Amino acid sequence: MSFFAAECPCSARAQHPHSPEVGSPDMSPSPLRGQVLRMYRQILRTARTWEAAEPAQTDEQRLYIRSEAGTLFRRHAGVTDPELVRQYLTEAESRLEMALHYGNPYPRPVNLPPGALAPRDGRPLGRAQRRSRAQSRPVYSRSEDEGSGLDR
């Protein structure tokens, strides 16, 4: 069972197709699973009570928070590496804290050092530029960059 797997609403757990076989190594829950579920519930509670700075945008921002959380948690549902799960938890916590602090649920812009992205005379980025770009990227933007190829 993955770390991000949600509880199934079925009541018959023993014969349920999503439940692990008795005695299988997946029977014991991950120690991080509870933290992941708590974070997901906290994000959904935040979405339910979210008040936008501009009252007309409240519903739109609430929908964004719910859909973004659902998308990212589903995308990482199969992750079983504890270190990677911790990184995703840290990202979720920092994005939630920033949204609450700034009153804006959308990702913050990332400011990279000059020259970190600019190819030189049409040549591809060098190793030092790629390393500088990777180190400059804040933890709250990692999932945003996964699909774009910026993390390579």
N, C-alpha and C. Protein backbone atom coordinates (compact mmCIF):
# COMPACT_ATOMS: atom_id res chain seq x y z
N MET A 1 0.85 -1.17 0.00
CA MET A 1 0.00 0.00 0.00
C MET A 1 0.90 1.24 0.00
N SER A 2 0.59 2.22 -0.81
CA SER A 2 1.44 3.40 -0.89
C SER A 2 1.18 4.34 0.28
N PHE A 3 2.07 5.30 0.45
CA PHE A 3 1.97 6.25 1.55
C PHE A 3 0.77 7.17 1.39
N PHE A 4 0.40 7.46 0.16
CA PHE A 4 -0.65 8.43 -0.09
C PHE A 4 -2.01 7.79 -0.32
N ALA A 5 -2.10 6.48 -0.20
CA ALA A 5 -3.38 5.82 -0.45
C ALA A 5 -4.40 6.26 0.58
N ALA A 6 -5.55 6.63 0.11
CA ALA A 6 -6.60 7.10 1.01
C ALA A 6 -7.39 5.92 1.54
N GLU A 7 -8.06 6.14 2.63
CA GLU A 7 -8.92 5.11 3.21
C GLU A 7 -10.06 4.82 2.26
N CYS A 8 -10.36 3.57 2.09
CA CYS A 8 -11.47 3.17 1.23
C CYS A 8 -12.75 3.18 2.06
N PRO A 9 -13.85 3.68 1.53
CA PRO A 9 -15.08 3.78 2.30
C PRO A 9 -15.78 2.44 2.52
N CYS A 10 -15.30 1.38 1.92
CA CYS A 10 -15.95 0.07 2.07
C CYS A 10 -15.82 -0.42 3.50
N SER A 11 -16.85 -1.13 3.96
CA SER A 11 -16.82 -1.61 5.34
C SER A 11 -16.23 -3.00 5.45
N ALA A 12 -16.27 -3.80 4.42
CA ALA A 12 -15.75 -5.17 4.48
C ALA A 12 -14.27 -5.16 4.12
N ARG A 13 -13.42 -4.93 5.09
CA ARG A 13 -11.98 -4.80 4.85
C ARG A 13 -11.30 -6.13 4.50
N ALA A 14 -11.69 -7.23 5.13
CA ALA A 14 -10.97 -8.49 4.97
C ALA A 14 -11.01 -8.99 3.53
N GLN A 15 -12.15 -8.90 2.86
CA GLN A 15 -12.27 -9.39 1.50
C GLN A 15 -12.18 -8.27 0.47
N HIS A 16 -11.87 -7.08 0.90
CA HIS A 16 -11.86 -5.94 0.00
C HIS A 16 -10.68 -6.02 -0.96
N PRO A 17 -10.88 -5.70 -2.25
CA PRO A 17 -9.78 -5.80 -3.21
C PRO A 17 -8.64 -4.82 -2.95
N HIS A 18 -8.90 -3.70 -2.24
CA HIS A 18 -7.84 -2.74 -1.96
C HIS A 18 -7.07 -3.06 -0.70
N SER A 19 -7.57 -3.98 0.11
CA SER A 19 -6.87 -4.29 1.36
C SER A 19 -5.79 -5.32 1.09
N PRO A 20 -4.63 -5.22 1.78
CA PRO A 20 -3.55 -6.17 1.56
C PRO A 20 -3.93 -7.54 2.12
N GLU A 21 -3.30 -8.55 1.56
CA GLU A 21 -3.52 -9.91 2.05
C GLU A 21 -3.01 -10.02 3.48
N VAL A 22 -3.66 -10.83 4.28
CA VAL A 22 -3.24 -11.04 5.66
C VAL A 22 -1.86 -11.67 5.64
N GLY A 23 -0.95 -11.10 6.41
CA GLY A 23 0.41 -11.61 6.48
C GLY A 23 1.34 -11.05 5.43
N SER A 24 0.84 -10.21 4.53
CA SER A 24 1.71 -9.63 3.50
C SER A 24 2.56 -8.52 4.12
N PRO A 25 3.69 -8.20 3.51
CA PRO A 25 4.55 -7.15 4.07
C PRO A 25 3.89 -5.78 4.07
N ASP A 26 2.87 -5.57 3.22
CA ASP A 26 2.19 -4.29 3.16
C ASP A 26 1.16 -4.12 4.27
N MET A 27 0.98 -5.12 5.09
CA MET A 27 -0.05 -5.07 6.13
C MET A 27 0.23 -3.98 7.16
N SER A 28 1.50 -3.75 7.49
CA SER A 28 1.81 -2.72 8.48
C SER A 28 1.81 -1.35 7.82
N PRO A 29 1.09 -0.40 8.41
CA PRO A 29 1.03 0.93 7.80
C PRO A 29 2.36 1.67 7.96
N SER A 30 2.63 2.52 7.01
CA SER A 30 3.85 3.32 7.05
C SER A 30 3.74 4.34 8.19
N PRO A 31 4.85 4.63 8.85
CA PRO A 31 4.80 5.67 9.89
C PRO A 31 4.50 7.05 9.32
N LEU A 32 4.78 7.27 8.05
CA LEU A 32 4.53 8.57 7.43
C LEU A 32 3.10 8.68 6.90
N ARG A 33 2.40 7.57 6.77
CA ARG A 33 1.06 7.59 6.20
C ARG A 33 0.13 8.50 7.01
N GLY A 34 0.20 8.42 8.33
CA GLY A 34 -0.62 9.27 9.18
C GLY A 34 -0.32 10.75 8.97
N GLN A 35 0.96 11.08 8.84
CA GLN A 35 1.34 12.47 8.61
C GLN A 35 0.80 12.97 7.27
N VAL A 36 0.87 12.11 6.25
CA VAL A 36 0.38 12.48 4.93
C VAL A 36 -1.13 12.71 4.98
N LEU A 37 -1.86 11.81 5.62
CA LEU A 37 -3.31 11.96 5.70
C LEU A 37 -3.70 13.19 6.52
N ARG A 38 -2.96 13.46 7.60
CA ARG A 38 -3.23 14.67 8.39
C ARG A 38 -3.01 15.93 7.56
N MET A 39 -1.93 15.95 6.79
CA MET A 39 -1.64 17.12 5.95
C MET A 39 -2.74 17.30 4.91
N TYR A 40 -3.17 16.22 4.29
CA TYR A 40 -4.22 16.30 3.27
C TYR A 40 -5.51 16.83 3.88
N ARG A 41 -5.87 16.32 5.05
CA ARG A 41 -7.09 16.80 5.73
C ARG A 41 -6.95 18.27 6.11
N GLN A 42 -5.77 18.67 6.57
CA GLN A 42 -5.55 20.07 6.94
C GLN A 42 -5.70 20.98 5.72
N ILE A 43 -5.20 20.55 4.59
CA ILE A 43 -5.34 21.35 3.36
C ILE A 43 -6.80 21.45 2.97
N LEU A 44 -7.53 20.35 3.05
CA LEU A 44 -8.96 20.38 2.69
C LEU A 44 -9.76 21.24 3.66
N ARG A 45 -9.40 21.21 4.97
CA ARG A 45 -10.07 22.09 5.94
C ARG A 45 -9.77 23.55 5.62
N THR A 46 -8.55 23.84 5.24
CA THR A 46 -8.18 25.20 4.88
C THR A 46 -8.99 25.66 3.67
N ALA A 47 -9.14 24.77 2.68
CA ALA A 47 -9.93 25.12 1.49
C ALA A 47 -11.38 25.40 1.87
N ARG A 48 -11.92 24.64 2.81
CA ARG A 48 -13.31 24.82 3.21
C ARG A 48 -13.53 26.17 3.89
N THR A 49 -12.54 26.65 4.64
CA THR A 49 -12.70 27.89 5.40
C THR A 49 -11.99 29.08 4.75
N TRP A 50 -11.41 28.90 3.57
CA TRP A 50 -10.62 29.94 2.92
C TRP A 50 -11.47 31.16 2.61
N GLU A 51 -10.94 32.32 2.92
CA GLU A 51 -11.56 33.60 2.58
C GLU A 51 -10.54 34.40 1.77
N ALA A 52 -10.88 34.70 0.54
CA ALA A 52 -9.98 35.45 -0.33
C ALA A 52 -9.98 36.93 0.07
N ALA A 53 -8.91 37.63 -0.27
CA ALA A 53 -8.83 39.06 -0.01
C ALA A 53 -9.93 39.79 -0.77
N GLU A 54 -10.22 39.32 -1.96
CA GLU A 54 -11.32 39.85 -2.77
C GLU A 54 -12.47 38.84 -2.66
N PRO A 55 -13.55 39.17 -1.94
CA PRO A 55 -14.63 38.20 -1.68
C PRO A 55 -15.18 37.51 -2.93
N ALA A 56 -15.13 38.16 -4.07
CA ALA A 56 -15.66 37.56 -5.30
C ALA A 56 -14.81 36.38 -5.75
N GLN A 57 -13.55 36.29 -5.29
CA GLN A 57 -12.65 35.23 -5.71
C GLN A 57 -12.59 34.06 -4.73
N THR A 58 -13.34 34.12 -3.65
CA THR A 58 -13.27 33.08 -2.62
C THR A 58 -13.58 31.70 -3.18
N ASP A 59 -14.68 31.55 -3.91
CA ASP A 59 -15.04 30.24 -4.44
C ASP A 59 -14.00 29.72 -5.42
N GLU A 60 -13.48 30.59 -6.27
CA GLU A 60 -12.46 30.19 -7.24
C GLU A 60 -11.19 29.71 -6.52
N GLN A 61 -10.77 30.43 -5.48
CA GLN A 61 -9.56 30.04 -4.76
C GLN A 61 -9.77 28.77 -3.95
N ARG A 62 -10.96 28.59 -3.38
CA ARG A 62 -11.26 27.35 -2.66
C ARG A 62 -11.18 26.16 -3.61
N LEU A 63 -11.75 26.31 -4.79
CA LEU A 63 -11.70 25.24 -5.80
C LEU A 63 -10.25 24.96 -6.20
N TYR A 64 -9.45 26.00 -6.38
CA TYR A 64 -8.05 25.83 -6.74
C TYR A 64 -7.31 25.03 -5.67
N ILE A 65 -7.51 25.36 -4.40
CA ILE A 65 -6.81 24.67 -3.31
C ILE A 65 -7.18 23.18 -3.33
N ARG A 66 -8.48 22.88 -3.44
CA ARG A 66 -8.91 21.47 -3.45
C ARG A 66 -8.37 20.73 -4.66
N SER A 67 -8.46 21.34 -5.83
CA SER A 67 -8.00 20.63 -7.04
C SER A 67 -6.48 20.47 -7.06
N GLU A 68 -5.75 21.47 -6.62
CA GLU A 68 -4.28 21.38 -6.58
C GLU A 68 -3.84 20.30 -5.60
N ALA A 69 -4.46 20.26 -4.43
CA ALA A 69 -4.12 19.24 -3.44
C ALA A 69 -4.43 17.85 -3.99
N GLY A 70 -5.61 17.69 -4.55
CA GLY A 70 -5.98 16.39 -5.11
C GLY A 70 -5.05 15.94 -6.21
N THR A 71 -4.71 16.86 -7.11
CA THR A 71 -3.81 16.53 -8.21
C THR A 71 -2.44 16.09 -7.71
N LEU A 72 -1.86 16.86 -6.80
CA LEU A 72 -0.51 16.54 -6.32
C LEU A 72 -0.49 15.29 -5.47
N PHE A 73 -1.48 15.11 -4.61
CA PHE A 73 -1.50 13.91 -3.78
C PHE A 73 -1.72 12.66 -4.64
N ARG A 74 -2.56 12.75 -5.67
CA ARG A 74 -2.75 11.60 -6.57
C ARG A 74 -1.50 11.34 -7.40
N ARG A 75 -0.84 12.41 -7.85
CA ARG A 75 0.37 12.24 -8.65
C ARG A 75 1.44 11.47 -7.88
N HIS A 76 1.51 11.71 -6.57
CA HIS A 76 2.55 11.08 -5.76
C HIS A 76 2.03 9.89 -4.95
N ALA A 77 0.89 9.34 -5.34
CA ALA A 77 0.27 8.26 -4.57
C ALA A 77 1.12 7.00 -4.54
N GLY A 78 1.90 6.75 -5.55
CA GLY A 78 2.70 5.53 -5.59
C GLY A 78 4.08 5.66 -4.97
N VAL A 79 4.40 6.80 -4.41
CA VAL A 79 5.73 7.02 -3.84
C VAL A 79 5.88 6.18 -2.57
N THR A 80 6.94 5.39 -2.51
CA THR A 80 7.18 4.55 -1.33
C THR A 80 8.50 4.86 -0.64
N ASP A 81 9.32 5.71 -1.24
CA ASP A 81 10.60 6.09 -0.64
C ASP A 81 10.33 7.08 0.49
N PRO A 82 10.68 6.72 1.75
CA PRO A 82 10.38 7.61 2.88
C PRO A 82 11.00 9.00 2.76
N GLU A 83 12.19 9.09 2.20
CA GLU A 83 12.84 10.40 2.08
C GLU A 83 12.09 11.29 1.09
N LEU A 84 11.63 10.71 0.00
CA LEU A 84 10.87 11.47 -0.97
C LEU A 84 9.51 11.88 -0.40
N VAL A 85 8.90 11.01 0.38
CA VAL A 85 7.63 11.34 1.03
C VAL A 85 7.83 12.52 1.98
N ARG A 86 8.94 12.51 2.74
CA ARG A 86 9.23 13.63 3.64
C ARG A 86 9.40 14.94 2.86
N GLN A 87 10.06 14.86 1.69
CA GLN A 87 10.23 16.06 0.87
C GLN A 87 8.88 16.60 0.41
N TYR A 88 7.99 15.70 0.00
CA TYR A 88 6.66 16.14 -0.44
C TYR A 88 5.87 16.71 0.73
N LEU A 89 6.02 16.13 1.91
CA LEU A 89 5.34 16.68 3.09
C LEU A 89 5.86 18.07 3.40
N THR A 90 7.16 18.27 3.34
CA THR A 90 7.76 19.58 3.58
C THR A 90 7.25 20.59 2.57
N GLU A 91 7.15 20.17 1.32
CA GLU A 91 6.62 21.07 0.29
C GLU A 91 5.17 21.45 0.59
N ALA A 92 4.36 20.47 0.96
CA ALA A 92 2.95 20.74 1.26
C ALA A 92 2.83 21.69 2.44
N GLU A 93 3.62 21.46 3.50
CA GLU A 93 3.58 22.34 4.67
C GLU A 93 3.98 23.76 4.32
N SER A 94 5.05 23.91 3.55
CA SER A 94 5.51 25.26 3.23
C SER A 94 4.53 25.97 2.29
N ARG A 95 3.93 25.25 1.35
CA ARG A 95 2.94 25.90 0.48
C ARG A 95 1.72 26.33 1.28
N LEU A 96 1.30 25.50 2.22
CA LEU A 96 0.14 25.86 3.05
C LEU A 96 0.46 27.07 3.93
N GLU A 97 1.64 27.06 4.55
CA GLU A 97 2.03 28.19 5.40
C GLU A 97 2.12 29.49 4.60
N MET A 98 2.67 29.41 3.40
CA MET A 98 2.79 30.62 2.57
C MET A 98 1.43 31.11 2.13
N ALA A 99 0.54 30.19 1.78
CA ALA A 99 -0.81 30.60 1.38
C ALA A 99 -1.52 31.30 2.52
N LEU A 100 -1.40 30.76 3.72
CA LEU A 100 -2.05 31.38 4.87
C LEU A 100 -1.41 32.72 5.21
N HIS A 101 -0.09 32.79 5.12
CA HIS A 101 0.61 34.03 5.47
C HIS A 101 0.28 35.16 4.49
N TYR A 102 0.35 34.86 3.20
CA TYR A 102 0.14 35.90 2.19
C TYR A 102 -1.32 36.06 1.79
N GLY A 103 -2.18 35.13 2.19
CA GLY A 103 -3.57 35.19 1.80
C GLY A 103 -3.77 34.93 0.32
N ASN A 104 -2.85 34.15 -0.26
CA ASN A 104 -2.88 33.86 -1.69
C ASN A 104 -2.51 32.38 -1.88
N PRO A 105 -3.43 31.55 -2.38
CA PRO A 105 -3.13 30.12 -2.50
C PRO A 105 -2.27 29.76 -3.71
N TYR A 106 -2.06 30.69 -4.61
CA TYR A 106 -1.33 30.38 -5.84
C TYR A 106 0.17 30.37 -5.57
N PRO A 107 0.93 29.59 -6.36
CA PRO A 107 2.39 29.51 -6.15
C PRO A 107 3.06 30.87 -6.27
N ARG A 108 4.05 31.08 -5.45
CA ARG A 108 4.81 32.33 -5.47
C ARG A 108 5.81 32.29 -6.62
N PRO A 109 6.12 33.45 -7.21
CA PRO A 109 7.15 33.46 -8.26
C PRO A 109 8.51 33.12 -7.68
N VAL A 110 9.32 32.50 -8.49
CA VAL A 110 10.66 32.10 -8.07
C VAL A 110 11.67 33.03 -8.72
N ASN A 111 12.52 33.62 -7.92
CA ASN A 111 13.56 34.51 -8.43
C ASN A 111 14.88 33.75 -8.44
N LEU A 112 15.42 33.54 -9.61
CA LEU A 112 16.68 32.83 -9.76
C LEU A 112 17.81 33.85 -9.96
N PRO A 113 19.01 33.46 -9.59
CA PRO A 113 20.14 34.38 -9.78
C PRO A 113 20.37 34.66 -11.27
N PRO A 114 20.91 35.84 -11.59
CA PRO A 114 21.17 36.18 -13.00
C PRO A 114 22.06 35.13 -13.66
N GLY A 115 21.71 34.76 -14.88
CA GLY A 115 22.52 33.80 -15.62
C GLY A 115 22.23 32.35 -15.29
N ALA A 116 21.35 32.08 -14.35
CA ALA A 116 21.08 30.70 -13.97
C ALA A 116 20.29 29.96 -15.04
N LEU A 117 19.53 30.67 -15.85
CA LEU A 117 18.72 30.02 -16.87
C LEU A 117 19.14 30.35 -18.30
N ALA A 118 19.89 31.41 -18.48
CA ALA A 118 20.20 31.87 -19.83
C ALA A 118 21.25 30.99 -20.50
N PRO A 119 20.89 30.34 -21.61
CA PRO A 119 21.91 29.59 -22.35
C PRO A 119 22.91 30.58 -22.97
N ARG A 120 24.13 30.16 -23.09
CA ARG A 120 25.16 31.03 -23.64
C ARG A 120 25.30 30.78 -25.13
N ASP A 121 25.01 31.78 -25.92
CA ASP A 121 25.18 31.72 -27.39
C ASP A 121 24.55 30.46 -27.98
N GLY A 122 23.37 30.09 -27.50
CA GLY A 122 22.66 28.95 -28.05
C GLY A 122 23.12 27.59 -27.54
N ARG A 123 24.16 27.57 -26.73
CA ARG A 123 24.63 26.29 -26.18
C ARG A 123 23.75 25.89 -25.01
N PRO A 124 23.67 24.60 -24.71
CA PRO A 124 22.85 24.18 -23.56
C PRO A 124 23.47 24.63 -22.24
N LEU A 125 22.67 24.57 -21.20
CA LEU A 125 23.14 24.97 -19.87
C LEU A 125 24.29 24.07 -19.42
N GLY A 126 25.26 24.69 -18.79
CA GLY A 126 26.38 23.92 -18.25
C GLY A 126 26.03 23.30 -16.91
N ARG A 127 26.89 22.45 -16.42
CA ARG A 127 26.66 21.75 -15.15
C ARG A 127 26.54 22.74 -14.00
N ALA A 128 27.36 23.77 -13.97
CA ALA A 128 27.30 24.76 -12.89
C ALA A 128 25.98 25.54 -12.93
N GLN A 129 25.50 25.87 -14.12
CA GLN A 129 24.23 26.57 -14.23
C GLN A 129 23.07 25.69 -13.78
N ARG A 130 23.10 24.41 -14.16
CA ARG A 130 22.03 23.49 -13.73
C ARG A 130 22.04 23.33 -12.21
N ARG A 131 23.23 23.22 -11.63
CA ARG A 131 23.33 23.08 -10.17
C ARG A 131 22.85 24.35 -9.48
N SER A 132 23.23 25.51 -10.00
CA SER A 132 22.79 26.78 -9.42
C SER A 132 21.27 26.91 -9.48
N ARG A 133 20.71 26.52 -10.61
CA ARG A 133 19.26 26.59 -10.77
C ARG A 133 18.56 25.63 -9.80
N ALA A 134 19.07 24.43 -9.65
CA ALA A 134 18.46 23.45 -8.74
C ALA A 134 18.54 23.91 -7.29
N GLN A 135 19.66 24.51 -6.90
CA GLN A 135 19.83 24.97 -5.52
C GLN A 135 19.00 26.21 -5.23
N SER A 136 18.71 27.01 -6.26
CA SER A 136 17.96 28.24 -6.07
C SER A 136 16.46 28.02 -5.98
N ARG A 137 16.01 26.87 -6.42
CA ARG A 137 14.57 26.59 -6.45
C ARG A 137 14.07 26.31 -5.04
N PRO A 138 13.09 27.05 -4.57
CA PRO A 138 12.57 26.82 -3.21
C PRO A 138 11.79 25.52 -3.13
N VAL A 139 11.66 25.00 -1.91
CA VAL A 139 11.01 23.71 -1.69
C VAL A 139 9.55 23.73 -2.11
N TYR A 140 8.89 24.87 -2.03
CA TYR A 140 7.46 24.91 -2.34
C TYR A 140 7.18 24.86 -3.84
N SER A 141 8.19 24.90 -4.68
CA SER A 141 7.94 24.89 -6.12
C SER A 141 8.39 23.59 -6.79
N ARG A 142 8.82 22.60 -6.03
CA ARG A 142 9.35 21.37 -6.62
C ARG A 142 8.30 20.64 -7.47
N SER A 143 7.09 20.48 -6.98
CA SER A 143 6.06 19.77 -7.73
C SER A 143 5.66 20.54 -8.98
N GLU A 144 5.72 21.86 -8.93
CA GLU A 144 5.40 22.67 -10.10
C GLU A 144 6.40 22.39 -11.22
N ASP A 145 7.65 22.14 -10.85
CA ASP A 145 8.71 21.97 -11.83
C ASP A 145 8.80 20.55 -12.38
N GLU A 146 8.22 19.57 -11.71
CA GLU A 146 8.36 18.17 -12.13
C GLU A 146 7.86 17.94 -13.54
N GLY A 147 6.70 18.46 -13.86
CA GLY A 147 6.13 18.22 -15.18
C GLY A 147 6.75 19.06 -16.28
N SER A 148 7.47 20.11 -15.93
CA SER A 148 8.00 21.02 -16.93
C SER A 148 9.40 20.67 -17.41
N GLY A 149 10.07 19.74 -16.74
CA GLY A 149 11.43 19.38 -17.12
C GLY A 149 12.48 20.30 -16.54
N LEU A 150 12.09 21.23 -15.67
CA LEU A 150 13.05 22.15 -15.08
C LEU A 150 13.91 21.49 -14.02
N ASP A 151 13.54 20.31 -13.54
CA ASP A 151 14.29 19.67 -12.48
C ASP A 151 15.43 18.81 -13.02
N ARG A 152 15.69 18.87 -14.28
CA ARG A 152 16.76 18.04 -14.86
C ARG A 152 18.04 18.80 -14.96
